Amino acid sequence: MAGMEEERGHRDGPPQWWRYGPPWRSGPSWSSGLPPWRDRARERRWPWPSTALLTAMVLAGSRFAAHAQQGERVQPDAFARVLLLLAGVLLLWRWRFPVAVVFGTAAVTAVYLGAGYPYGPVLLTVAVACFSAVVAGHRRAAWSAVGMLWAAHVLVAHWLYRWLPPRGDGPAPYAQEIAVAAWVAAIVAVSELARARSEQWARERAERAQAARRRADEERLRIARELHDVLAHSISVINVQAGMGLALLDTDPEQARTALATIKAKSKEALGEVRQVLDTLRAPGDAPRAPAPGLDRLPELVEQAAVAGLTVHVEGAARRLPPGADLAAFRIVQEALTNVVRHSGSRQACVHIEERDGALRLRVDDDGPPTGADAGGSGNGLAGMRERAAALGGTIEAGPRPDGGFRVLAVLPLENARIREEEW
């Protein structure tokens, strides 16, 4: 890390506090020197249109101000126009170097007023520079620059007026100083309000982005679970039937033909379910073309398990479930039976369904010892079941039974499932 920091330091050169503000400026200390809401692309642009318009307004407005204050202030000459033009042109750098610009416009305005030229739109350049600096996060720099301008005006109006133009001018009334102070306070207040609003927008954007990432992660996990459950179950049946067909190809061609027909039907079904999952990726705004599977398709699972040589007994039933809970229950039973086919020496399994205390309880038991053979699975079956249950606020318990065999017990709160469906 030290080498990386040293290399970065050589590449970037010394810290440019005159660009990003001195280290004592108020506000959070961001690692890049820039607040998080700053638009980097915006900093690379030049605000030509707004600067040109504001400069033209300052030049034209100062002419009208000079006419209105004729006899009270010094009439603008070439030097005054240069100062007005300089104050306007400095605003071109207000996005790149806000600290330098706010001090520069304040200094130019102080010289302009100290020379006795008319009060007028030149103060707008300070207001714009102060606004940009505060919004950029350089609050103390902006306050210091505006305070410096006000102090310079007080110094000129109440002490240096004897030696500065216009000749014969007296001290300024204190009511005028109150007005100038109110003007400065208004600039700072508006700038702080804009800064607070920018921070709020930045937080809202960050929260929306985080929520979008969270939804994307949840959708990615959901699709991964769907694909795993569909493919794991189907490939397990196909694997069993393929082995049976190879074993009976010579001795019992008719049974081998039946196994091949089962493989064809199961692979077609698996392709259809995979296509349905992938369609949600291609057209996320469209509704699924086929309903999601639920416990009403449990007889199909029993038939498919029977083809794979597993006899399944179903006990109990559930009334109409929320779609999310119905899909989760179906996939949990499907994965549990797939694991029995893959990893258990038992050829019998029992599925018990019970709805009690506002929750759906699913229990899948088999009484056979584990085969110990490599079934070629990914090892994500139990993890996927737990994720499905956790998404509904439920739990999964899976492990060997005391009397032998294996048990999977799922508890799915139905009220949480209904709330989740309403949110979606």
Protein backbone atom coordinates (compact mmCIF):
# COMPACT_ATOMS: atom_id res chain seq x y z
CA MET A 1 0.00 0.00 0.00
CA ALA A 2 2.84 2.36 0.81
CA GLY A 3 4.32 1.80 -2.64
CA MET A 4 0.97 2.52 -4.28
CA GLU A 5 0.56 5.75 -2.30
CA GLU A 6 4.10 6.84 -3.19
CA GLU A 7 3.55 6.10 -6.86
CA ARG A 8 0.27 8.00 -6.85
CA GLY A 9 1.96 10.92 -5.16
CA HIS A 10 4.67 11.11 -7.85
CA ARG A 11 2.09 10.93 -10.61
CA ASP A 12 -0.32 13.51 -9.25
CA GLY A 13 2.25 15.95 -7.87
CA PRO A 14 1.88 17.97 -4.68
CA PRO A 15 -1.56 18.45 -3.13
CA GLN A 16 -3.39 21.30 -4.83
CA TRP A 17 -5.15 22.91 -1.90
CA TRP A 18 -5.71 26.01 -3.96
CA ARG A 19 -7.96 23.88 -6.19
CA TYR A 20 -9.79 21.65 -3.73
CA GLY A 21 -9.54 23.87 -0.68
CA PRO A 22 -7.14 23.99 2.26
CA PRO A 23 -7.09 21.15 4.77
CA TRP A 24 -8.87 23.27 7.36
CA ARG A 25 -11.98 23.74 5.26
CA SER A 26 -15.22 22.58 6.86
CA GLY A 27 -17.16 19.55 5.78
CA PRO A 28 -16.22 15.88 5.45
CA SER A 29 -12.75 14.92 4.33
CA TRP A 30 -13.24 12.88 1.18
CA SER A 31 -10.33 10.80 -0.01
CA SER A 32 -10.38 12.35 -3.48
CA GLY A 33 -10.61 15.91 -2.20
CA LEU A 34 -14.02 16.28 -3.83
CA PRO A 35 -17.45 15.79 -2.28
CA PRO A 36 -19.37 12.74 -3.50
CA TRP A 37 -22.05 14.68 -5.37
CA ARG A 38 -19.56 16.50 -7.58
CA ASP A 39 -19.92 15.60 -11.25
CA ARG A 40 -16.46 14.87 -12.65
CA ALA A 41 -17.69 15.28 -16.22
CA ARG A 42 -19.11 18.66 -15.26
CA GLU A 43 -15.72 19.78 -13.96
CA ARG A 44 -14.16 19.07 -17.32
CA ARG A 45 -16.62 21.39 -19.03
CA TRP A 46 -16.51 25.17 -19.16
CA PRO A 47 -19.61 27.19 -18.20
CA TRP A 48 -19.31 29.48 -21.22
CA PRO A 49 -23.01 30.39 -21.78
CA SER A 50 -23.82 31.31 -18.19
CA THR A 51 -20.54 33.16 -17.72
CA ALA A 52 -20.96 35.16 -20.93
CA LEU A 53 -24.54 36.06 -20.02
CA LEU A 54 -23.59 37.10 -16.48
CA THR A 55 -20.62 39.15 -17.68
CA ALA A 56 -22.81 40.99 -20.20
CA MET A 57 -25.36 41.67 -17.45
CA VAL A 58 -22.64 43.03 -15.14
CA LEU A 59 -21.23 45.34 -17.82
CA ALA A 60 -24.63 46.63 -18.92
CA GLY A 61 -26.03 46.88 -15.41
CA SER A 62 -22.99 48.80 -14.16
CA ARG A 63 -23.60 51.40 -16.86
CA PHE A 64 -27.15 51.93 -15.65
CA ALA A 65 -25.95 51.96 -12.03
CA ALA A 66 -23.38 54.63 -12.90
CA HIS A 67 -26.09 56.78 -14.48
CA ALA A 68 -28.30 56.41 -11.39
CA GLN A 69 -25.41 57.21 -9.02
CA GLN A 70 -23.97 60.08 -11.06
CA GLY A 71 -22.41 62.70 -8.76
CA GLU A 72 -22.20 60.25 -5.87
CA ARG A 73 -19.67 57.74 -7.21
CA VAL A 74 -16.82 57.80 -9.71
CA GLN A 75 -17.97 57.22 -13.28
CA PRO A 76 -16.63 53.96 -14.78
CA ASP A 77 -13.54 54.30 -16.97
CA ALA A 78 -11.36 51.77 -18.79
CA PHE A 79 -9.92 50.42 -15.53
CA ALA A 80 -13.44 49.86 -14.15
CA ARG A 81 -14.44 47.93 -17.27
CA VAL A 82 -11.31 45.79 -16.98
CA LEU A 83 -12.22 44.97 -13.37
CA LEU A 84 -15.81 44.12 -14.32
CA LEU A 85 -14.65 41.95 -17.19
CA LEU A 86 -12.08 40.21 -14.98
CA ALA A 87 -14.67 39.47 -12.28
CA GLY A 88 -16.93 37.90 -14.90
CA VAL A 89 -14.22 35.91 -16.70
CA LEU A 90 -13.01 34.41 -13.42
CA LEU A 91 -16.34 32.59 -13.18
CA LEU A 92 -15.26 30.35 -16.06
CA TRP A 93 -13.13 28.42 -13.52
CA ARG A 94 -15.73 28.25 -10.75
CA TRP A 95 -16.36 24.50 -11.29
CA ARG A 96 -12.67 23.59 -11.47
CA PHE A 97 -11.14 25.93 -8.89
CA PRO A 98 -13.99 27.17 -6.68
CA VAL A 99 -11.73 28.36 -3.84
CA ALA A 100 -9.46 30.44 -6.06
CA VAL A 101 -12.45 31.90 -7.93
CA VAL A 102 -14.37 33.00 -4.83
CA PHE A 103 -11.31 34.75 -3.39
CA GLY A 104 -10.46 36.23 -6.81
CA THR A 105 -13.92 37.71 -7.43
CA ALA A 106 -14.05 39.05 -3.87
CA ALA A 107 -10.67 40.73 -4.30
CA VAL A 108 -11.59 42.25 -7.69
CA THR A 109 -14.90 43.52 -6.29
CA ALA A 110 -13.13 45.01 -3.27
CA VAL A 111 -10.75 46.91 -5.59
CA TYR A 112 -13.70 48.04 -7.74
CA LEU A 113 -15.63 49.41 -4.75
CA GLY A 114 -12.48 50.84 -3.16
CA ALA A 115 -11.83 52.82 -6.32
CA GLY A 116 -15.15 54.56 -5.81
CA TYR A 117 -16.97 53.03 -8.76
CA PRO A 118 -20.75 52.65 -8.52
CA TYR A 119 -22.42 49.88 -6.61
CA GLY A 120 -24.10 47.48 -8.97
CA PRO A 121 -24.22 44.02 -10.52
CA VAL A 122 -20.53 43.38 -9.86
CA LEU A 123 -21.67 41.93 -6.55
CA LEU A 124 -23.43 39.17 -8.51
CA THR A 125 -20.06 37.72 -9.49
CA VAL A 126 -19.20 37.26 -5.81
CA ALA A 127 -22.60 35.73 -5.16
CA VAL A 128 -22.19 33.17 -7.97
CA ALA A 129 -18.63 32.31 -6.92
CA CYS A 130 -19.69 31.93 -3.28
CA PHE A 131 -22.60 29.73 -4.32
CA SER A 132 -20.32 27.45 -6.37
CA ALA A 133 -17.75 27.18 -3.58
CA VAL A 134 -20.31 26.33 -0.89
CA VAL A 135 -22.07 23.75 -3.07
CA ALA A 136 -18.66 22.24 -3.86
CA GLY A 137 -18.03 21.78 -0.14
CA HIS A 138 -15.64 24.67 0.51
CA ARG A 139 -17.81 26.43 3.04
CA ARG A 140 -15.17 28.16 5.14
CA ALA A 141 -13.35 29.40 2.05
CA ALA A 142 -16.58 30.96 0.77
CA TRP A 143 -17.40 32.51 4.14
CA SER A 144 -13.88 33.87 4.45
CA ALA A 145 -13.95 35.43 0.99
CA VAL A 146 -17.33 37.09 1.51
CA GLY A 147 -16.30 38.21 5.00
CA MET A 148 -13.11 39.67 3.55
CA LEU A 149 -15.14 41.66 1.03
CA TRP A 150 -17.47 42.98 3.72
CA ALA A 151 -14.52 43.91 5.99
CA ALA A 152 -12.84 45.71 3.07
CA HIS A 153 -16.03 47.65 2.40
CA VAL A 154 -16.32 48.67 6.07
CA LEU A 155 -12.67 49.73 6.07
CA VAL A 156 -13.09 51.85 2.96
CA ALA A 157 -16.46 53.32 3.92
CA HIS A 158 -15.46 54.39 7.45
CA TRP A 159 -11.72 54.97 7.41
CA LEU A 160 -9.97 54.97 4.02
CA TYR A 161 -12.62 57.11 2.31
CA ARG A 162 -10.50 60.19 3.12
CA TRP A 163 -7.75 59.09 0.76
CA LEU A 164 -9.82 57.24 -1.83
CA PRO A 165 -12.11 58.55 -4.56
CA PRO A 166 -14.52 60.17 -4.91
CA ARG A 167 -13.11 63.36 -3.41
CA GLY A 168 -15.12 65.02 -0.69
CA ASP A 169 -16.93 61.80 0.11
CA GLY A 170 -18.00 61.27 3.73
CA PRO A 171 -18.36 58.10 5.77
CA ALA A 172 -21.08 55.74 4.70
CA PRO A 173 -24.18 55.52 6.91
CA TYR A 174 -24.38 52.48 9.15
CA ALA A 175 -27.74 51.59 7.62
CA GLN A 176 -25.83 50.90 4.42
CA GLU A 177 -23.50 48.53 6.28
CA ILE A 178 -26.51 46.71 7.69
CA ALA A 179 -27.86 46.32 4.16
CA VAL A 180 -24.53 44.99 2.92
CA ALA A 181 -24.36 42.57 5.86
CA ALA A 182 -27.89 41.38 5.09
CA TRP A 183 -26.90 40.88 1.46
CA VAL A 184 -23.88 38.79 2.53
CA ALA A 185 -26.01 36.72 4.90
CA ALA A 186 -28.55 36.11 2.14
CA ILE A 187 -25.83 34.85 -0.20
CA VAL A 188 -24.45 32.48 2.42
CA ALA A 189 -27.94 31.24 3.39
CA VAL A 190 -28.94 30.50 -0.21
CA SER A 191 -25.61 28.77 -0.84
CA GLU A 192 -25.96 26.63 2.30
CA LEU A 193 -29.51 25.73 1.32
CA ALA A 194 -28.34 24.62 -2.11
CA ARG A 195 -25.52 22.61 -0.56
CA ALA A 196 -27.90 20.86 1.84
CA ARG A 197 -30.22 20.08 -1.05
CA SER A 198 -27.32 18.69 -3.09
CA GLU A 199 -26.32 16.43 -0.21
CA GLN A 200 -29.90 15.23 0.13
CA TRP A 201 -30.07 14.43 -3.58
CA ALA A 202 -26.76 12.59 -3.32
CA ARG A 203 -28.04 10.49 -0.42
CA GLU A 204 -31.26 9.72 -2.27
CA ARG A 205 -29.32 8.70 -5.38
CA ALA A 206 -27.05 6.48 -3.29
CA GLU A 207 -30.04 4.87 -1.56
CA ARG A 208 -31.78 4.27 -4.90
CA ALA A 209 -28.61 2.76 -6.34
CA GLN A 210 -28.17 0.53 -3.29
CA ALA A 211 -31.80 -0.58 -3.49
CA ALA A 212 -31.39 -1.32 -7.20
CA ARG A 213 -28.26 -3.39 -6.51
CA ARG A 214 -30.07 -5.24 -3.73
CA ARG A 215 -33.01 -6.02 -6.03
CA ALA A 216 -30.61 -7.15 -8.75
CA ASP A 217 -28.80 -9.44 -6.31
CA GLU A 218 -32.08 -10.91 -5.09
CA GLU A 219 -33.24 -11.48 -8.66
CA ARG A 220 -29.91 -13.06 -9.58
CA LEU A 221 -30.12 -15.43 -6.61
CA ARG A 222 -33.74 -16.23 -7.44
CA ILE A 223 -32.89 -17.13 -11.04
CA ALA A 224 -29.88 -19.16 -9.89
CA ARG A 225 -32.10 -21.12 -7.49
CA GLU A 226 -34.71 -21.71 -10.18
CA LEU A 227 -32.15 -22.95 -12.69
CA HIS A 228 -30.46 -25.15 -10.10
CA ASP A 229 -33.71 -26.73 -8.95
CA VAL A 230 -35.02 -27.30 -12.47
CA LEU A 231 -31.78 -28.71 -13.85
CA ALA A 232 -30.82 -30.72 -10.76
CA HIS A 233 -34.14 -32.56 -10.65
CA SER A 234 -34.38 -33.12 -14.38
CA ILE A 235 -30.77 -34.20 -14.84
CA SER A 236 -31.10 -36.60 -11.91
CA VAL A 237 -34.09 -38.31 -13.53
CA ILE A 238 -32.35 -38.33 -16.91
CA ASN A 239 -29.21 -39.81 -15.33
CA VAL A 240 -31.16 -42.63 -13.69
CA GLN A 241 -33.08 -43.41 -16.86
CA ALA A 242 -29.97 -43.29 -19.00
CA GLY A 243 -28.25 -45.79 -16.70
CA MET A 244 -31.33 -48.02 -16.78
CA GLY A 245 -31.52 -47.83 -20.55
CA LEU A 246 -27.87 -48.76 -20.98
CA ALA A 247 -28.26 -51.70 -18.60
CA LEU A 248 -31.38 -53.05 -20.36
CA LEU A 249 -30.44 -52.20 -23.94
CA ASP A 250 -29.48 -55.77 -24.80
CA THR A 251 -31.63 -57.79 -22.38
CA ASP A 252 -34.89 -55.80 -22.43
CA PRO A 253 -35.10 -53.46 -25.44
CA GLU A 254 -38.71 -52.50 -24.67
CA GLN A 255 -37.83 -51.28 -21.17
CA ALA A 256 -34.82 -49.46 -22.61
CA ARG A 257 -37.16 -47.76 -25.09
CA THR A 258 -39.38 -46.65 -22.20
CA ALA A 259 -36.33 -45.19 -20.44
CA LEU A 260 -35.36 -43.28 -23.58
CA ALA A 261 -38.92 -41.97 -23.92
CA THR A 262 -38.78 -40.78 -20.31
CA ILE A 263 -35.46 -39.03 -21.00
CA LYS A 264 -36.97 -37.29 -24.02
CA ALA A 265 -40.06 -36.14 -22.11
CA LYS A 266 -38.07 -34.98 -19.08
CA SER A 267 -35.49 -33.10 -21.14
CA LYS A 268 -38.28 -31.36 -23.05
CA GLU A 269 -39.94 -30.36 -19.79
CA ALA A 270 -36.62 -29.10 -18.40
CA LEU A 271 -35.97 -27.05 -21.52
CA GLY A 272 -39.42 -25.48 -21.21
CA GLU A 273 -38.85 -24.48 -17.58
CA VAL A 274 -35.36 -23.13 -18.35
CA ARG A 275 -36.79 -21.11 -21.23
CA GLN A 276 -39.44 -19.69 -18.90
CA VAL A 277 -36.75 -18.56 -16.45
CA LEU A 278 -34.62 -17.03 -19.21
CA ASP A 279 -37.62 -15.21 -20.67
CA THR A 280 -37.80 -13.17 -17.47
CA LEU A 281 -34.28 -11.94 -18.23
CA ARG A 282 -35.00 -10.99 -21.83
CA ALA A 283 -38.28 -9.20 -21.10
CA PRO A 284 -38.33 -8.18 -17.41
CA GLY A 285 -41.43 -6.05 -17.88
CA ASP A 286 -43.56 -8.85 -19.32
CA ALA A 287 -45.57 -11.31 -17.27
CA PRO A 288 -44.46 -14.96 -17.38
CA ARG A 289 -46.10 -16.92 -20.15
CA ALA A 290 -46.72 -19.92 -17.86
CA PRO A 291 -47.75 -19.98 -14.21
CA ALA A 292 -45.07 -20.75 -11.65
CA PRO A 293 -45.21 -24.33 -10.35
CA GLY A 294 -46.79 -25.01 -6.96
CA LEU A 295 -47.87 -27.85 -4.72
CA ASP A 296 -50.71 -28.58 -7.15
CA ARG A 297 -48.01 -30.18 -9.33
CA LEU A 298 -46.92 -32.50 -6.53
CA PRO A 299 -48.49 -35.53 -8.29
CA GLU A 300 -46.15 -34.86 -11.24
CA LEU A 301 -43.16 -35.01 -8.87
CA VAL A 302 -44.44 -38.30 -7.48
CA GLU A 303 -44.75 -39.74 -11.00
CA GLN A 304 -41.28 -38.53 -12.00
CA ALA A 305 -39.82 -40.00 -8.82
CA ALA A 306 -41.55 -43.30 -9.59
CA VAL A 307 -39.93 -43.32 -13.03
CA ALA A 308 -36.57 -42.85 -11.30
CA GLY A 309 -37.35 -45.84 -9.06
CA LEU A 310 -38.45 -43.90 -5.96
CA THR A 311 -41.84 -44.49 -4.35
CA VAL A 312 -43.21 -41.35 -2.69
CA HIS A 313 -46.06 -41.28 -0.17
CA VAL A 314 -47.82 -37.93 0.34
CA GLU A 315 -49.56 -37.15 3.62
CA GLY A 316 -51.69 -34.07 4.22
CA ALA A 317 -52.48 -31.16 1.98
CA ALA A 318 -52.43 -27.35 2.01
CA ARG A 319 -55.12 -24.89 1.04
CA ARG A 320 -54.47 -22.16 -1.51
CA LEU A 321 -51.08 -20.59 -0.80
CA PRO A 322 -49.54 -17.25 -1.81
CA PRO A 323 -47.64 -17.67 -5.11
CA GLY A 324 -44.23 -17.11 -3.52
CA ALA A 325 -44.82 -19.65 -0.75
CA ASP A 326 -46.38 -22.12 -3.21
CA LEU A 327 -43.33 -21.94 -5.50
CA ALA A 328 -40.89 -22.21 -2.58
CA ALA A 329 -42.73 -25.23 -1.16
CA PHE A 330 -42.74 -26.98 -4.54
CA ARG A 331 -39.02 -26.36 -5.11
CA ILE A 332 -38.10 -27.49 -1.60
CA VAL A 333 -39.97 -30.78 -2.03
CA GLN A 334 -38.51 -31.18 -5.52
CA GLU A 335 -34.94 -30.66 -4.28
CA ALA A 336 -35.46 -32.94 -1.28
CA LEU A 337 -36.72 -35.78 -3.51
CA THR A 338 -33.88 -35.16 -5.95
CA ASN A 339 -31.40 -35.56 -3.09
CA VAL A 340 -33.06 -38.84 -2.10
CA VAL A 341 -32.65 -40.15 -5.66
CA ARG A 342 -29.04 -38.99 -5.77
CA HIS A 343 -27.67 -39.72 -2.33
CA SER A 344 -29.89 -42.23 -0.55
CA GLY A 345 -30.00 -45.97 -0.80
CA SER A 346 -33.71 -45.92 0.05
CA ARG A 347 -36.27 -46.38 -2.66
CA GLN A 348 -39.09 -44.92 -0.57
CA ALA A 349 -39.76 -41.39 0.69
CA CYS A 350 -42.57 -39.69 2.57
CA VAL A 351 -43.76 -36.10 2.07
CA HIS A 352 -45.80 -34.70 4.95
CA ILE A 353 -47.66 -31.39 4.45
CA GLU A 354 -49.28 -29.52 7.32
CA GLU A 355 -50.59 -25.99 7.77
CA ARG A 356 -50.48 -24.93 11.41
CA ASP A 357 -50.20 -21.69 13.41
CA GLY A 358 -50.06 -19.55 10.27
CA ALA A 359 -47.16 -21.50 8.79
CA LEU A 360 -46.72 -24.26 6.24
CA ARG A 361 -44.69 -27.22 7.50
CA LEU A 362 -43.11 -29.56 4.95
CA ARG A 363 -41.33 -32.73 6.00
CA VAL A 364 -39.55 -35.09 3.60
CA ASP A 365 -38.23 -38.37 5.09
CA ASP A 366 -36.39 -41.32 3.69
CA ASP A 367 -35.19 -44.34 5.67
CA GLY A 368 -32.25 -45.41 3.59
CA PRO A 369 -28.54 -45.10 4.30
CA PRO A 370 -26.46 -42.73 2.17
CA THR A 371 -24.94 -44.34 -0.89
CA GLY A 372 -21.63 -42.48 -0.57
CA ALA A 373 -21.37 -42.30 -4.35
CA ASP A 374 -20.58 -39.11 -6.22
CA ALA A 375 -23.88 -38.01 -7.73
CA GLY A 376 -22.36 -35.18 -9.72
CA GLY A 377 -24.30 -32.43 -7.95
CA SER A 378 -23.17 -28.87 -7.35
CA GLY A 379 -23.62 -29.01 -3.57
CA ASN A 380 -25.97 -26.00 -3.63
CA GLY A 381 -29.22 -27.87 -3.07
CA LEU A 382 -29.52 -27.38 0.70
CA ALA A 383 -28.18 -23.83 0.41
CA GLY A 384 -30.85 -23.04 -2.18
CA MET A 385 -33.58 -24.47 0.02
CA ARG A 386 -32.39 -22.38 2.97
CA GLU A 387 -32.33 -19.25 0.82
CA ARG A 388 -35.88 -19.86 -0.35
CA ALA A 389 -37.10 -20.36 3.20
CA ALA A 390 -35.15 -17.35 4.53
CA ALA A 391 -36.64 -15.12 1.82
CA LEU A 392 -40.06 -15.81 3.37
CA GLY A 393 -38.84 -15.59 6.96
CA GLY A 394 -38.85 -19.37 7.34
CA THR A 395 -36.34 -22.03 8.31
CA ILE A 396 -34.93 -25.29 6.98
CA GLU A 397 -33.65 -28.15 9.11
CA ALA A 398 -31.89 -30.97 7.31
CA GLY A 399 -29.91 -33.87 8.75
CA PRO A 400 -29.85 -37.57 9.66
CA ARG A 401 -32.70 -38.98 11.74
CA PRO A 402 -31.96 -40.72 15.06
CA ASP A 403 -33.50 -43.97 13.76
CA GLY A 404 -31.64 -43.82 10.44
CA GLY A 405 -32.39 -42.14 7.15
CA PHE A 406 -32.55 -38.44 6.43
CA ARG A 407 -35.08 -35.68 7.11
CA VAL A 408 -35.73 -32.26 5.61
CA LEU A 409 -38.10 -30.03 7.61
CA ALA A 410 -39.20 -26.65 6.23
CA VAL A 411 -41.33 -24.08 8.05
CA LEU A 412 -42.67 -21.24 5.86
CA PRO A 413 -44.66 -18.40 7.54
CA LEU A 414 -47.58 -17.68 5.24
CA GLU A 415 -48.25 -14.16 6.56
CA ASN A 416 -44.73 -13.07 5.60
CA ALA A 417 -45.26 -14.58 2.16
CA ARG A 418 -48.48 -12.61 1.68
CA ILE A 419 -46.79 -9.34 2.78
CA ARG A 420 -43.94 -9.96 0.39
CA GLU A 421 -46.34 -10.61 -2.48
CA GLU A 422 -48.11 -7.31 -1.75
CA GLU A 423 -44.77 -5.42 -1.74
CA TRP A 424 -43.80 -6.86 -5.07
